[in-house]
PDB file of N, CA and C in Angstrom:
ATOM      1  N   UNK A   1       0.841  -1.185   0.000  1.00  0.00           N
ATOM      2  CA  UNK A   1       0.000   0.000   0.000  1.00  0.00           C
ATOM      3  C   UNK A   1       0.885   1.247   0.000  1.00  0.00           C
ATOM      4  N   UNK A   2       0.551   2.248  -0.806  1.00  0.00           N
ATOM      5  CA  UNK A   2       1.367   3.458  -0.875  1.00  0.00           C
ATOM      6  C   UNK A   2       1.086   4.366   0.314  1.00  0.00           C
ATOM      7  N   UNK A   3       1.972   5.359   0.499  1.00  0.00           N
ATOM      8  CA  UNK A   3       1.782   6.314   1.583  1.00  0.00           C
ATOM      9  C   UNK A   3       0.435   7.007   1.486  1.00  0.00           C
ATOM     10  N   UNK A   4       0.036   7.369   0.258  1.00  0.00           N
ATOM     11  CA  UNK A   4      -1.234   8.087   0.107  1.00  0.00           C
ATOM     12  C   UNK A   4      -2.429   7.194   0.442  1.00  0.00           C
ATOM     13  N   UNK A   5      -2.316   5.892   0.206  1.00  0.00           N
ATOM     14  CA  UNK A   5      -3.411   4.976   0.544  1.00  0.00           C
ATOM     15  C   UNK A   5      -3.563   4.811   2.055  1.00  0.00           C
ATOM     16  N   UNK A   6      -2.481   5.015   2.802  1.00  0.00           N
ATOM     17  CA  UNK A   6      -2.513   4.906   4.264  1.00  0.00           C
ATOM     18  C   UNK A   6      -2.703   6.250   4.956  1.00  0.00           C
ATOM     19  N   UNK A   7      -2.717   7.330   4.193  1.00  0.00           N
ATOM     20  CA  UNK A   7      -2.702   8.676   4.755  1.00  0.00           C
ATOM     21  C   UNK A   7      -4.078   9.102   5.265  1.00  0.00           C
ATOM     22  N   UNK A   8      -4.119   9.507   6.529  1.00  0.00           N
ATOM     23  CA  UNK A   8      -5.353   9.974   7.148  1.00  0.00           C
ATOM     24  C   UNK A   8      -5.960  11.147   6.375  1.00  0.00           C
ATOM     25  N   UNK A   9      -5.133  12.134   6.009  1.00  0.00           N
ATOM     26  CA  UNK A   9      -5.671  13.315   5.330  1.00  0.00           C
ATOM     27  C   UNK A   9      -6.091  13.017   3.898  1.00  0.00           C
ATOM     28  N   UNK A  10      -5.423  12.089   3.225  1.00  0.00           N
ATOM     29  CA  UNK A  10      -5.881  11.667   1.890  1.00  0.00           C
ATOM     30  C   UNK A  10      -7.265  11.033   2.002  1.00  0.00           C
ATOM     31  N   UNK A  11      -7.473  10.231   3.044  1.00  0.00           N
ATOM     32  CA  UNK A  11      -8.770   9.583   3.251  1.00  0.00           C
ATOM     33  C   UNK A  11      -9.852  10.607   3.583  1.00  0.00           C
ATOM     34  N   UNK A  12      -9.498  11.621   4.366  1.00  0.00           N
ATOM     35  CA  UNK A  12     -10.467  12.681   4.683  1.00  0.00           C
ATOM     36  C   UNK A  12     -10.835  13.444   3.419  1.00  0.00           C
ATOM     37  N   UNK A  13      -9.838  13.831   2.617  1.00  0.00           N
ATOM     38  CA  UNK A  13     -10.102  14.587   1.383  1.00  0.00           C
ATOM     39  C   UNK A  13     -10.938  13.783   0.398  1.00  0.00           C
ATOM     40  N   UNK A  14     -10.769  12.450   0.407  1.00  0.00           N
ATOM     41  CA  UNK A  14     -11.520  11.578  -0.504  1.00  0.00           C
ATOM     42  C   UNK A  14     -12.925  11.271   0.020  1.00  0.00           C
ATOM     43  N   UNK A  15     -13.225  11.673   1.254  1.00  0.00           N
ATOM     44  CA  UNK A  15     -14.531  11.399   1.838  1.00  0.00           C
ATOM     45  C   UNK A  15     -14.647  10.034   2.484  1.00  0.00           C
ATOM     46  N   UNK A  16     -13.554   9.283   2.563  1.00  0.00           N
ATOM     47  CA  UNK A  16     -13.588   7.955   3.181  1.00  0.00           C
ATOM     48  C   UNK A  16     -13.647   8.038   4.705  1.00  0.00           C
ATOM     49  N   UNK A  17     -13.195   9.150   5.263  1.00  0.00           N
ATOM     50  CA  UNK A  17     -13.286   9.415   6.704  1.00  0.00           C
ATOM     51  C   UNK A  17     -14.049  10.722   6.845  1.00  0.00           C
ATOM     52  N   UNK A  18     -15.083  10.741   7.675  1.00  0.00           N
ATOM     53  CA  UNK A  18     -15.890  11.963   7.816  1.00  0.00           C
ATOM     54  C   UNK A  18     -15.083  13.125   8.405  1.00  0.00           C
ATOM     55  N   UNK A  19     -15.465  14.327   8.004  1.00  0.00           N
ATOM     56  CA  UNK A  19     -14.881  15.538   8.564  1.00  0.00           C
ATOM     57  C   UNK A  19     -15.928  16.640   8.493  1.00  0.00           C
ATOM     58  N   UNK A  20     -15.647  17.719   9.193  1.00  0.00           N
ATOM     59  CA  UNK A  20     -16.500  18.907   9.105  1.00  0.00           C
ATOM     60  C   UNK A  20     -15.871  19.823   8.064  1.00  0.00           C
ATOM     61  N   UNK A  21     -16.324  19.671   6.837  1.00  0.00           N
ATOM     62  CA  UNK A  21     -15.734  20.369   5.702  1.00  0.00           C
ATOM     63  C   UNK A  21     -15.960  21.875   5.787  1.00  0.00           C
ATOM     64  N   UNK A  22     -14.897  22.614   5.472  1.00  0.00           N
ATOM     65  CA  UNK A  22     -14.926  24.066   5.386  1.00  0.00           C
ATOM     66  C   UNK A  22     -14.942  24.501   3.924  1.00  0.00           C
ATOM     67  N   UNK A  23     -14.179  23.784   3.079  1.00  0.00           N
ATOM     68  CA  UNK A  23     -14.002  24.192   1.691  1.00  0.00           C
ATOM     69  C   UNK A  23     -13.490  23.007   0.885  1.00  0.00           C
ATOM     70  N   UNK A  24     -13.858  23.001  -0.416  1.00  0.00           N
ATOM     71  CA  UNK A  24     -13.308  21.990  -1.311  1.00  0.00           C
ATOM     72  C   UNK A  24     -13.338  22.503  -2.741  1.00  0.00           C
ATOM     73  N   UNK A  25     -12.249  22.261  -3.462  1.00  0.00           N
ATOM     74  CA  UNK A  25     -12.221  22.449  -4.903  1.00  0.00           C
ATOM     75  C   UNK A  25     -11.426  21.292  -5.498  1.00  0.00           C
ATOM     76  N   UNK A  26     -11.014  21.389  -6.734  1.00  0.00           N
ATOM     77  CA  UNK A  26     -10.311  20.277  -7.378  1.00  0.00           C
ATOM     78  C   UNK A  26      -8.963  19.953  -6.739  1.00  0.00           C
ATOM     79  N   UNK A  27      -8.304  20.957  -6.164  1.00  0.00           N
ATOM     80  CA  UNK A  27      -6.956  20.768  -5.633  1.00  0.00           C
ATOM     81  C   UNK A  27      -6.820  20.877  -4.129  1.00  0.00           C
ATOM     82  N   UNK A  28      -7.761  21.549  -3.472  1.00  0.00           N
ATOM     83  CA  UNK A  28      -7.627  21.850  -2.048  1.00  0.00           C
ATOM     84  C   UNK A  28      -8.842  21.381  -1.256  1.00  0.00           C
ATOM     85  N   UNK A  29      -8.597  21.094   0.007  1.00  0.00           N
ATOM     86  CA  UNK A  29      -9.663  20.669   0.912  1.00  0.00           C
ATOM     87  C   UNK A  29      -9.371  21.305   2.269  1.00  0.00           C
ATOM     88  N   UNK A  30     -10.394  21.820   2.920  1.00  0.00           N
ATOM     89  CA  UNK A  30     -10.236  22.393   4.258  1.00  0.00           C
ATOM     90  C   UNK A  30     -11.297  21.798   5.171  1.00  0.00           C
ATOM     91  N   UNK A  31     -10.896  21.522   6.414  1.00  0.00           N
ATOM     92  CA  UNK A  31     -11.805  20.918   7.380  1.00  0.00           C
ATOM     93  C   UNK A  31     -11.412  21.335   8.788  1.00  0.00           C
ATOM     94  N   UNK A  32     -12.394  21.297   9.697  1.00  0.00           N
ATOM     95  CA  UNK A  32     -12.170  21.685  11.085  1.00  0.00           C
ATOM     96  C   UNK A  32     -11.242  20.696  11.777  1.00  0.00           C
ATOM     97  N   UNK A  33     -10.344  21.238  12.614  1.00  0.00           N
ATOM     98  CA  UNK A  33      -9.451  20.413  13.425  1.00  0.00           C
ATOM     99  C   UNK A  33     -10.286  19.704  14.492  1.00  0.00           C
ATOM    100  N   UNK A  34      -9.984  18.427  14.732  1.00  0.00           N
ATOM    101  CA  UNK A  34     -10.775  17.687  15.733  1.00  0.00           C
ATOM    102  C   UNK A  34     -10.373  18.046  17.164  1.00  0.00           C
ATOM    103  N   UNK A  35      -9.217  18.677  17.345  1.00  0.00           N
ATOM    104  CA  UNK A  35      -8.768  19.150  18.661  1.00  0.00           C
ATOM    105  C   UNK A  35      -8.393  20.630  18.539  1.00  0.00           C
ATOM    106  N   UNK A  36      -9.389  21.507  18.400  1.00  0.00           N
ATOM    107  CA  UNK A  36      -9.085  22.917  18.127  1.00  0.00           C
ATOM    108  C   UNK A  36      -8.304  23.576  19.259  1.00  0.00           C
ATOM    109  N   UNK A  37      -7.326  24.387  18.862  1.00  0.00           N
ATOM    110  CA  UNK A  37      -6.507  25.138  19.808  1.00  0.00           C
ATOM    111  C   UNK A  37      -6.936  26.602  19.874  1.00  0.00           C
ATOM    112  N   UNK A  38      -7.951  26.975  19.109  1.00  0.00           N
ATOM    113  CA  UNK A  38      -8.452  28.346  19.063  1.00  0.00           C
ATOM    114  C   UNK A  38      -9.935  28.291  18.699  1.00  0.00           C
ATOM    115  N   UNK A  39     -10.675  29.373  18.938  1.00  0.00           N
ATOM    116  CA  UNK A  39     -12.101  29.367  18.581  1.00  0.00           C
ATOM    117  C   UNK A  39     -12.354  29.019  17.117  1.00  0.00           C
ATOM    118  N   UNK A  40     -11.495  29.487  16.219  1.00  0.00           N
ATOM    119  CA  UNK A  40     -11.527  29.087  14.809  1.00  0.00           C
ATOM    120  C   UNK A  40     -10.255  28.291  14.580  1.00  0.00           C
ATOM    121  N   UNK A  41     -10.374  27.050  14.118  1.00  0.00           N
ATOM    122  CA  UNK A  41      -9.186  26.226  13.855  1.00  0.00           C
ATOM    123  C   UNK A  41      -9.558  25.186  12.809  1.00  0.00           C
ATOM    124  N   UNK A  42      -9.029  25.396  11.616  1.00  0.00           N
ATOM    125  CA  UNK A  42      -9.247  24.414  10.555  1.00  0.00           C
ATOM    126  C   UNK A  42      -7.932  24.143   9.845  1.00  0.00           C
ATOM    127  N   UNK A  43      -7.909  23.053   9.091  1.00  0.00           N
ATOM    128  CA  UNK A  43      -6.734  22.650   8.336  1.00  0.00           C
ATOM    129  C   UNK A  43      -7.017  22.840   6.861  1.00  0.00           C
ATOM    130  N   UNK A  44      -6.021  23.303   6.138  1.00  0.00           N
ATOM    131  CA  UNK A  44      -6.107  23.484   4.698  1.00  0.00           C
ATOM    132  C   UNK A  44      -5.042  22.596   4.069  1.00  0.00           C
ATOM    133  N   UNK A  45      -5.480  21.648   3.222  1.00  0.00           N
ATOM    134  CA  UNK A  45      -4.558  20.667   2.659  1.00  0.00           C
ATOM    135  C   UNK A  45      -4.681  20.602   1.138  1.00  0.00           C
ATOM    136  N   UNK A  46      -3.583  20.237   0.477  1.00  0.00           N
ATOM    137  CA  UNK A  46      -3.714  19.883  -0.939  1.00  0.00           C
ATOM    138  C   UNK A  46      -4.309  18.480  -1.024  1.00  0.00           C
ATOM    139  N   UNK A  47      -5.099  18.220  -2.029  1.00  0.00           N
ATOM    140  CA  UNK A  47      -5.626  16.857  -2.212  1.00  0.00           C
ATOM    141  C   UNK A  47      -4.513  15.905  -2.644  1.00  0.00           C
ATOM    142  N   UNK A  48      -3.541  16.414  -3.375  1.00  0.00           N
ATOM    143  CA  UNK A  48      -2.395  15.591  -3.770  1.00  0.00           C
ATOM    144  C   UNK A  48      -1.574  15.288  -2.526  1.00  0.00           C
ATOM    145  N   UNK A  49      -1.079  14.058  -2.428  1.00  0.00           N
ATOM    146  CA  UNK A  49      -0.287  13.671  -1.262  1.00  0.00           C
ATOM    147  C   UNK A  49       1.132  14.224  -1.376  1.00  0.00           C
ATOM    148  N   UNK A  50       1.394  15.250  -0.587  1.00  0.00           N
ATOM    149  CA  UNK A  50       2.728  15.820  -0.429  1.00  0.00           C
ATOM    150  C   UNK A  50       3.042  15.630   1.055  1.00  0.00           C
ATOM    151  N   UNK A  51       4.064  14.841   1.397  1.00  0.00           N
ATOM    152  CA  UNK A  51       4.295  14.514   2.806  1.00  0.00           C
ATOM    153  C   UNK A  51       4.528  15.717   3.727  1.00  0.00           C
ATOM    154  N   UNK A  52       5.239  16.738   3.250  1.00  0.00           N
ATOM    155  CA  UNK A  52       5.489  17.909   4.088  1.00  0.00           C
ATOM    156  C   UNK A  52       5.922  19.070   3.207  1.00  0.00           C
ATOM    157  N   UNK A  53       6.061  20.231   3.827  1.00  0.00           N
ATOM    158  CA  UNK A  53       6.542  21.394   3.092  1.00  0.00           C
ATOM    159  C   UNK A  53       7.957  21.145   2.567  1.00  0.00           C
ATOM    160  N   UNK A  54       8.725  20.313   3.275  1.00  0.00           N
ATOM    161  CA  UNK A  54      10.090  19.995   2.839  1.00  0.00           C
ATOM    162  C   UNK A  54      10.115  19.230   1.515  1.00  0.00           C
ATOM    163  N   UNK A  55       9.028  18.554   1.159  1.00  0.00           N
ATOM    164  CA  UNK A  55       8.954  17.808  -0.095  1.00  0.00           C
ATOM    165  C   UNK A  55       8.313  18.615  -1.220  1.00  0.00           C
ATOM    166  N   UNK A  56       7.838  19.805  -0.936  1.00  0.00           N
ATOM    167  CA  UNK A  56       7.225  20.634  -1.978  1.00  0.00           C
ATOM    168  C   UNK A  56       8.327  21.206  -2.858  1.00  0.00           C
ATOM    169  N   UNK A  57       8.100  21.164  -4.156  1.00  0.00           N
ATOM    170  CA  UNK A  57       9.083  21.678  -5.105  1.00  0.00           C
ATOM    171  C   UNK A  57       8.509  22.826  -5.906  1.00  0.00           C
ATOM    172  N   UNK A  58       9.290  23.325  -6.844  1.00  0.00           N
ATOM    173  CA  UNK A  58       8.839  24.438  -7.680  1.00  0.00           C
ATOM    174  C   UNK A  58       7.517  24.149  -8.388  1.00  0.00           C
ATOM    175  N   UNK A  59       7.264  22.886  -8.693  1.00  0.00           N
ATOM    176  CA  UNK A  59       6.014  22.535  -9.370  1.00  0.00           C
ATOM    177  C   UNK A  59       4.786  22.738  -8.484  1.00  0.00           C
ATOM    178  N   UNK A  60       4.976  22.863  -7.171  1.00  0.00           N
ATOM    179  CA  UNK A  60       3.858  23.126  -6.254  1.00  0.00           C
ATOM    180  C   UNK A  60       3.727  24.599  -5.870  1.00  0.00           C
ATOM    181  N   UNK A  61       4.541  25.467  -6.442  1.00  0.00           N
ATOM    182  CA  UNK A  61       4.516  26.886  -6.063  1.00  0.00           C
ATOM    183  C   UNK A  61       3.122  27.498  -6.251  1.00  0.00           C
ATOM    184  N   UNK A  62       2.471  27.210  -7.359  1.00  0.00           N
ATOM    185  CA  UNK A  62       1.129  27.743  -7.595  1.00  0.00           C
ATOM    186  C   UNK A  62       0.122  27.230  -6.580  1.00  0.00           C
ATOM    187  N   UNK A  63       0.200  25.946  -6.271  1.00  0.00           N
ATOM    188  CA  UNK A  63      -0.703  25.333  -5.286  1.00  0.00           C
ATOM    189  C   UNK A  63      -0.499  25.959  -3.903  1.00  0.00           C
ATOM    190  N   UNK A  64       0.751  26.120  -3.498  1.00  0.00           N
ATOM    191  CA  UNK A  64       1.041  26.723  -2.195  1.00  0.00           C
ATOM    192  C   UNK A  64       0.561  28.169  -2.159  1.00  0.00           C
ATOM    193  N   UNK A  65       0.725  28.880  -3.258  1.00  0.00           N
ATOM    194  CA  UNK A  65       0.220  30.242  -3.341  1.00  0.00           C
ATOM    195  C   UNK A  65      -1.289  30.309  -3.211  1.00  0.00           C
ATOM    196  N   UNK A  66      -1.969  29.387  -3.865  1.00  0.00           N
ATOM    197  CA  UNK A  66      -3.442  29.338  -3.757  1.00  0.00           C
ATOM    198  C   UNK A  66      -3.866  29.088  -2.312  1.00  0.00           C
ATOM    199  N   UNK A  67      -3.134  28.194  -1.623  1.00  0.00           N
ATOM    200  CA  UNK A  67      -3.449  27.918  -0.217  1.00  0.00           C
ATOM    201  C   UNK A  67      -3.339  29.189   0.622  1.00  0.00           C
ATOM    202  N   UNK A  68      -2.268  29.938   0.432  1.00  0.00           N
ATOM    203  CA  UNK A  68      -2.038  31.142   1.242  1.00  0.00           C
ATOM    204  C   UNK A  68      -3.029  32.252   0.909  1.00  0.00           C
ATOM    205  N   UNK A  69      -3.471  32.330  -0.331  1.00  0.00           N
ATOM    206  CA  UNK A  69      -4.460  33.341  -0.716  1.00  0.00           C
ATOM    207  C   UNK A  69      -5.858  32.945  -0.243  1.00  0.00           C
ATOM    208  N   UNK A  70      -6.135  31.655  -0.193  1.00  0.00           N
ATOM    209  CA  UNK A  70      -7.441  31.170   0.244  1.00  0.00           C
ATOM    210  C   UNK A  70      -7.609  31.261   1.764  1.00  0.00           C
ATOM    211  N   UNK A  71      -6.539  31.087   2.509  1.00  0.00           N
ATOM    212  CA  UNK A  71      -6.613  31.059   3.979  1.00  0.00           C
ATOM    213  C   UNK A  71      -7.322  32.283   4.567  1.00  0.00           C
ATOM    214  N   UNK A  72      -6.993  33.521   4.166  1.00  0.00           N
ATOM    215  CA  UNK A  72      -7.688  34.668   4.762  1.00  0.00           C
ATOM    216  C   UNK A  72      -9.192  34.677   4.496  1.00  0.00           C
ATOM    217  N   UNK A  73      -9.575  34.314   3.288  1.00  0.00           N
ATOM    218  CA  UNK A  73     -11.004  34.287   2.961  1.00  0.00           C
ATOM    219  C   UNK A  73     -11.739  33.271   3.834  1.00  0.00           C
ATOM    220  N   UNK A  74     -11.170  32.075   3.957  1.00  0.00           N
ATOM    221  CA  UNK A  74     -11.814  31.047   4.773  1.00  0.00           C
ATOM    222  C   UNK A  74     -11.809  31.430   6.249  1.00  0.00           C
ATOM    223  N   UNK A  75     -10.736  32.060   6.714  1.00  0.00           N
ATOM    224  CA  UNK A  75     -10.668  32.480   8.117  1.00  0.00           C
ATOM    225  C   UNK A  75     -11.819  33.435   8.444  1.00  0.00           C
ATOM    226  N   UNK A  76     -12.058  34.401   7.569  1.00  0.00           N
ATOM    227  CA  UNK A  76     -13.166  35.346   7.779  1.00  0.00           C
ATOM    228  C   UNK A  76     -14.502  34.605   7.730  1.00  0.00           C
ATOM    229  N   UNK A  77     -14.662  33.722   6.749  1.00  0.00           N
ATOM    230  CA  UNK A  77     -15.916  32.961   6.629  1.00  0.00           C
ATOM    231  C   UNK A  77     -16.178  32.104   7.865  1.00  0.00           C
ATOM    232  N   UNK A  78     -15.128  31.642   8.524  1.00  0.00           N
ATOM    233  CA  UNK A  78     -15.285  30.783   9.691  1.00  0.00           C
ATOM    234  C   UNK A  78     -15.417  31.560  10.996  1.00  0.00           C
ATOM    235  N   UNK A  79     -15.328  32.873  10.941  1.00  0.00           N
ATOM    236  CA  UNK A  79     -15.602  33.669  12.136  1.00  0.00           C
ATOM    237  C   UNK A  79     -14.465  34.527  12.651  1.00  0.00           C
ATOM    238  N   UNK A  80     -13.314  34.542  11.988  1.00  0.00           N
ATOM    239  CA  UNK A  80     -12.236  35.433  12.408  1.00  0.00           C
ATOM    240  C   UNK A  80     -12.612  36.867  12.072  1.00  0.00           C
ATOM    241  N   UNK A  81     -12.200  37.779  12.914  1.00  0.00           N
ATOM    242  CA  UNK A  81     -12.430  39.193  12.651  1.00  0.00           C
ATOM    243  C   UNK A  81     -11.407  39.686  11.637  1.00  0.00           C
ATOM    244  N   UNK A  82     -11.774  40.692  10.829  1.00  0.00           N
ATOM    245  CA  UNK A  82     -10.875  41.155   9.779  1.00  0.00           C
ATOM    246  C   UNK A  82      -9.635  41.875  10.311  1.00  0.00           C
ATOM    247  N   UNK A  83      -8.622  41.853   9.484  1.00  0.00           N
ATOM    248  CA  UNK A  83      -7.379  42.576   9.703  1.00  0.00           C
ATOM    249  C   UNK A  83      -7.661  44.070   9.656  1.00  0.00           C
ATOM    250  N   UNK A  84      -7.051  44.927  10.459  1.00  0.00           N
ATOM    251  CA  UNK A  84      -5.918  44.663  11.324  1.00  0.00           C
ATOM    252  C   UNK A  84      -6.278  44.371  12.771  1.00  0.00           C
ATOM    253  N   UNK A  85      -7.488  44.719  13.221  1.00  0.00           N
ATOM    254  CA  UNK A  85      -7.831  44.468  14.625  1.00  0.00           C
ATOM    255  C   UNK A  85      -8.015  42.987  14.907  1.00  0.00           C
ATOM    256  N   UNK A  86      -8.569  42.271  13.944  1.00  0.00           N
ATOM    257  CA  UNK A  86      -8.763  40.837  14.088  1.00  0.00           C
ATOM    258  C   UNK A  86      -7.534  40.117  13.583  1.00  0.00           C
ATOM    259  N   UNK A  87      -7.761  39.044  12.855  1.00  0.00           N
ATOM    260  CA  UNK A  87      -6.652  38.312  12.263  1.00  0.00           C
ATOM    261  C   UNK A  87      -6.705  36.830  12.574  1.00  0.00           C
ATOM    262  N   UNK A  88      -5.637  36.157  12.206  1.00  0.00           N
ATOM    263  CA  UNK A  88      -5.545  34.712  12.374  1.00  0.00           C
ATOM    264  C   UNK A  88      -4.086  34.315  12.276  1.00  0.00           C
ATOM    265  N   UNK A  89      -3.788  33.098  12.664  1.00  0.00           N
ATOM    266  CA  UNK A  89      -2.443  32.541  12.566  1.00  0.00           C
ATOM    267  C   UNK A  89      -2.473  31.426  11.538  1.00  0.00           C
ATOM    268  N   UNK A  90      -1.444  31.373  10.694  1.00  0.00           N
ATOM    269  CA  UNK A  90      -1.280  30.286   9.740  1.00  0.00           C
ATOM    270  C   UNK A  90       0.014  29.575  10.110  1.00  0.00           C
ATOM    271  N   UNK A  91      -0.071  28.259  10.316  1.00  0.00           N
ATOM    272  CA  UNK A  91       1.066  27.489  10.800  1.00  0.00           C
ATOM    273  C   UNK A  91       1.211  26.206   9.988  1.00  0.00           C
ATOM    274  N   UNK A  92       2.420  25.941   9.501  1.00  0.00           N
ATOM    275  CA  UNK A  92       2.725  24.691   8.817  1.00  0.00           C
ATOM    276  C   UNK A  92       3.844  24.011   9.589  1.00  0.00           C
ATOM    277  N   UNK A  93       3.529  22.922  10.277  1.00  0.00           N
ATOM    278  CA  UNK A  93       4.536  22.128  10.968  1.00  0.00           C
ATOM    279  C   UNK A  93       5.211  21.222   9.942  1.00  0.00           C
ATOM    280  N   UNK A  94       6.543  21.109  10.015  1.00  0.00           N
ATOM    281  CA  UNK A  94       7.283  20.309   9.046  1.00  0.00           C
ATOM    282  C   UNK A  94       8.247  19.385   9.766  1.00  0.00           C
ATOM    283  N   UNK A  95       8.037  18.072   9.631  1.00  0.00           N
ATOM    284  CA  UNK A  95       8.922  17.076  10.230  1.00  0.00           C
ATOM    285  C   UNK A  95       8.708  16.914  11.723  1.00  0.00           C
ATOM    286  N   UNK A  96       9.327  15.869  12.258  1.00  0.00           N
ATOM    287  CA  UNK A  96       9.158  15.527  13.677  1.00  0.00           C
ATOM    288  C   UNK A  96       9.580  16.677  14.593  1.00  0.00           C
ATOM    289  N   UNK A  97      10.727  17.270  14.318  1.00  0.00           N
ATOM    290  CA  UNK A  97      11.188  18.364  15.171  1.00  0.00           C
ATOM    291  C   UNK A  97      10.364  19.625  14.990  1.00  0.00           C
ATOM    292  N   UNK A  98       9.646  19.733  13.902  1.00  0.00           N
ATOM    293  CA  UNK A  98       8.751  20.866  13.665  1.00  0.00           C
ATOM    294  C   UNK A  98       7.351  20.638  14.201  1.00  0.00           C
ATOM    295  N   UNK A  99       7.107  19.475  14.800  1.00  0.00           N
ATOM    296  CA  UNK A  99       5.805  19.186  15.399  1.00  0.00           C
ATOM    297  C   UNK A  99       4.795  18.570  14.458  1.00  0.00           C
ATOM    298  N   UNK A 100       5.214  18.126  13.272  1.00  0.00           N
ATOM    299  CA  UNK A 100       4.278  17.525  12.322  1.00  0.00           C
ATOM    300  C   UNK A 100       3.878  16.140  12.802  1.00  0.00           C
ATOM    301  N   UNK A 101       2.572  15.902  12.919  1.00  0.00           N
ATOM    302  CA  UNK A 101       2.056  14.616  13.381  1.00  0.00           C
ATOM    303  C   UNK A 101       1.484  13.786  12.248  1.00  0.00           C
ATOM    304  N   UNK A 102       0.846  14.420  11.283  1.00  0.00           N
ATOM    305  CA  UNK A 102       0.306  13.724  10.109  1.00  0.00           C
ATOM    306  C   UNK A 102       1.174  14.125   8.927  1.00  0.00           C
ATOM    307  N   UNK A 103       1.758  13.138   8.264  1.00  0.00           N
ATOM    308  CA  UNK A 103       2.706  13.418   7.193  1.00  0.00           C
ATOM    309  C   UNK A 103       2.012  13.586   5.842  1.00  0.00           C
ATOM    310  N   UNK A 104       1.222  14.648   5.796  1.00  0.00           N
ATOM    311  CA  UNK A 104       0.564  15.169   4.596  1.00  0.00           C
ATOM    312  C   UNK A 104       0.581  16.676   4.813  1.00  0.00           C
ATOM    313  N   UNK A 105       1.153  17.408   3.889  1.00  0.00           N
ATOM    314  CA  UNK A 105       1.265  18.859   4.021  1.00  0.00           C
ATOM    315  C   UNK A 105      -0.080  19.451   4.429  1.00  0.00           C
ATOM    316  N   UNK A 106      -0.071  20.260   5.474  1.00  0.00           N
ATOM    317  CA  UNK A 106      -1.296  20.929   5.907  1.00  0.00           C
ATOM    318  C   UNK A 106      -0.956  22.224   6.627  1.00  0.00           C
ATOM    319  N   UNK A 107      -1.800  23.212   6.415  1.00  0.00           N
ATOM    320  CA  UNK A 107      -1.685  24.496   7.101  1.00  0.00           C
ATOM    321  C   UNK A 107      -2.794  24.587   8.131  1.00  0.00           C
ATOM    322  N   UNK A 108      -2.413  24.860   9.364  1.00  0.00           N
ATOM    323  CA  UNK A 108      -3.391  25.166  10.412  1.00  0.00           C
ATOM    324  C   UNK A 108      -3.747  26.639  10.265  1.00  0.00           C
ATOM    325  N   UNK A 109      -5.029  26.956  10.278  1.00  0.00           N
ATOM    326  CA  UNK A 109      -5.492  28.335  10.278  1.00  0.00           C
ATOM    327  C   UNK A 109      -6.280  28.503  11.568  1.00  0.00           C
ATOM    328  N   UNK A 110      -5.790  29.396  12.446  1.00  0.00           N
ATOM    329  CA  UNK A 110      -6.364  29.561  13.782  1.00  0.00           C
ATOM    330  C   UNK A 110      -6.636  31.025  14.059  1.00  0.00           C
ATOM    331  N   UNK A 111      -7.754  31.308  14.680  1.00  0.00           N
ATOM    332  CA  UNK A 111      -8.074  32.682  15.028  1.00  0.00           C
ATOM    333  C   UNK A 111      -9.213  32.763  15.997  1.00  0.00           C
ATOM    334  N   UNK A 112      -9.677  33.950  16.210  1.00  0.00           N
ATOM    335  CA  UNK A 112     -10.756  34.198  17.160  1.00  0.00           C
ATOM    336  C   UNK A 112     -10.213  34.914  18.380  1.00  0.00           C
ATOM    337  N   UNK A 113     -11.117  35.317  19.264  1.00  0.00           N
ATOM    338  CA  UNK A 113     -10.695  36.062  20.455  1.00  0.00           C
ATOM    339  C   UNK A 113      -9.659  35.285  21.275  1.00  0.00           C
ATOM    340  N   UNK A 114      -8.671  36.005  21.789  1.00  0.00           N
ATOM    341  CA  UNK A 114      -7.627  35.401  22.605  1.00  0.00           C
ATOM    342  C   UNK A 114      -8.007  35.534  24.065  1.00  0.00           C
ATOM    343  N   UNK A 115      -7.481  34.761  25.002  1.00  0.00           N
ATOM    344  CA  UNK A 115      -6.384  33.792  24.787  1.00  0.00           C
ATOM    345  C   UNK A 115      -6.891  32.489  24.218  1.00  0.00           C
ATOM    346  N   UNK A 116      -6.003  31.824  23.497  1.00  0.00           N
ATOM    347  CA  UNK A 116      -6.295  30.511  22.935  1.00  0.00           C
ATOM    348  C   UNK A 116      -5.750  29.444  23.854  1.00  0.00           C
ATOM    349  N   UNK A 117      -6.206  28.211  23.612  1.00  0.00           N
ATOM    350  CA  UNK A 117      -5.733  27.067  24.374  1.00  0.00           C
ATOM    351  C   UNK A 117      -4.214  26.928  24.268  1.00  0.00           C
ATOM    352  N   UNK A 118      -3.699  27.067  23.052  1.00  0.00           N
ATOM    353  CA  UNK A 118      -2.257  26.979  22.798  1.00  0.00           C
ATOM    354  C   UNK A 118      -1.839  28.212  22.015  1.00  0.00           C
ATOM    355  N   UNK A 119      -0.661  28.744  22.325  1.00  0.00           N
ATOM    356  CA  UNK A 119      -0.096  29.863  21.550  1.00  0.00           C
ATOM    357  C   UNK A 119      -0.720  31.165  21.856  1.00  0.00           C
TER     358      UNK A 119
END
């Protein structure tokens, strides 16, 4: 079985594991974190299996750009207050020492009134 066949986030994006979907298009999928660290906390992932940001190459530059441009729109839609008084945090953990637990590239988008559970 390949890494993508065993990948939790690949299964979520494919609909094989239920999630609370925030957004979906042909390349990207966003869903609520099951252990939120902030009032707004969702994950934004590429549907293609990329193990981490360290494995992303120049061919993924457009996809990564789309993720970063989409994050603010989804953050507002999910209840974050607008910039500059409001805002949100975007975090990509990479590798074991970077705190990555699921080895499928994902951006955490977190926001809402502070203090948060973590950070």
